[in-house]
Structures are given as C-alpha cells and as structure tokens.
Amino acid sequence: MDTTIRNLDEAAYRALKARAALSGKTIGETVNEAIRVYLATVGPFQRTGSLRELRPQRYPKGNERLSQEVDAVAYGV
C-alpha cells in the first residue's frame, strides 16, 4: 500500500531510515515491522462498555451558570 504519513519527527525518521539501510531493509519494511511490534505490545483494543452505560456527571458547585457564561463569551449574549 502506498501512503503518505505527515508530521513525522525528522530526526527519528532519519535514524530509522539509516537503521533500515544498515540491516538491508527498505524503509517500508522497517516501518511495517515497527507497526507490528507496537501493536503486539499494546495488545488488542478492548471496549470498556457501551455508550448507553454512560451517565451524566454533575458539574462541581459554582458552575450552575456555566452554559450562560459560555454563551456570553462565545456569542456576546
């Protein structure tokens, strides 16, 4: 797959590219290997529950007028 990855750290990319060259691999092969290693270390994504299980949280005391204050700042109301 051909793709573009933006906002890579230039020094890290250069170091990875050099290491790939020293090991006789392409940068693509090395990036694929790095992705596989990362995915193996973090494990599979596990859902912690359903959105239906979420319950609203109360704002702390002193924030009773927060919505009106936000409207005043955002819309000049």
Protein backbone atom coordinates (compact mmCIF):
# COMPACT_ATOMS: atom_id res chain seq x y z
CA MET A 1 0.00 0.00 0.00
CA ASP A 2 1.33 3.43 -0.87
CA THR A 3 0.53 6.11 1.67
CA THR A 4 1.80 9.43 2.99
CA ILE A 5 2.45 9.94 6.69
CA ARG A 6 2.66 13.54 7.83
CA ASN A 7 4.24 15.19 10.86
CA LEU A 8 6.96 12.61 11.47
CA ASP A 9 9.86 13.67 13.64
CA GLU A 10 12.62 14.30 11.10
CA ALA A 11 15.46 13.05 13.31
CA ALA A 12 13.58 9.87 14.22
CA TYR A 13 12.73 9.20 10.58
CA ARG A 14 16.36 9.67 9.51
CA ALA A 15 17.56 7.35 12.27
CA LEU A 16 15.02 4.71 11.28
CA LYS A 17 15.93 5.05 7.60
CA ALA A 18 19.64 4.64 8.44
CA ARG A 19 18.93 1.59 10.59
CA ALA A 20 16.84 0.10 7.79
CA ALA A 21 19.68 0.60 5.31
CA LEU A 22 22.21 -0.97 7.68
CA SER A 23 20.02 -4.05 8.08
CA GLY A 24 19.43 -4.33 4.32
CA LYS A 25 15.72 -3.50 4.53
CA THR A 26 13.63 -0.81 2.90
CA ILE A 27 12.13 1.95 5.00
CA GLY A 28 8.69 0.47 4.24
CA GLU A 29 9.70 -2.94 5.59
CA THR A 30 11.13 -1.31 8.70
CA VAL A 31 8.02 0.81 9.31
CA ASN A 32 5.83 -2.29 8.87
CA GLU A 33 7.95 -4.12 11.42
CA ALA A 34 7.76 -1.19 13.85
CA ILE A 35 3.96 -1.07 13.50
CA ARG A 36 3.67 -4.82 14.13
CA VAL A 37 5.90 -4.61 17.21
CA TYR A 38 3.90 -1.67 18.57
CA LEU A 39 0.58 -3.44 18.01
CA ALA A 40 1.90 -6.57 19.73
CA THR A 41 2.97 -4.61 22.81
CA VAL A 42 -0.25 -2.64 23.31
CA GLY A 43 -2.50 -5.65 22.77
CA PRO A 44 -5.91 -5.67 21.13
CA PHE A 45 -8.33 -2.81 21.57
CA GLN A 46 -10.93 -3.67 24.16
CA ARG A 47 -14.16 -1.85 24.63
CA THR A 48 -14.81 -0.87 28.19
CA GLY A 49 -18.56 -0.67 27.81
CA SER A 50 -21.41 0.76 25.83
CA LEU A 51 -22.31 4.39 25.28
CA ARG A 52 -25.67 3.51 26.79
CA GLU A 53 -23.90 2.81 30.08
CA LEU A 54 -22.55 6.36 30.33
CA ARG A 55 -24.29 8.53 32.88
CA PRO A 56 -24.20 12.33 33.06
CA GLN A 57 -21.82 13.82 35.60
CA ARG A 58 -22.77 16.82 37.69
CA TYR A 59 -20.68 19.96 37.40
CA PRO A 60 -18.93 20.99 40.62
CA LYS A 61 -20.52 23.69 42.78
CA GLY A 62 -20.14 27.20 41.39
CA ASN A 63 -20.79 26.18 37.79
CA GLU A 64 -24.58 26.48 37.80
CA ARG A 65 -24.49 29.27 35.20
CA LEU A 66 -21.68 27.81 33.10
CA SER A 67 -23.80 27.44 29.95
CA GLN A 68 -24.92 31.07 30.13
CA GLU A 69 -21.34 32.23 30.73
CA VAL A 70 -20.10 30.25 27.72
CA ASP A 71 -22.87 31.76 25.56
CA ALA A 72 -21.91 35.25 26.75
CA VAL A 73 -18.28 34.69 25.77
CA ALA A 74 -18.99 32.89 22.50
CA TYR A 75 -21.96 34.88 21.23
CA GLY A 76 -21.88 38.11 23.23
CA VAL A 77 -25.29 37.28 24.71
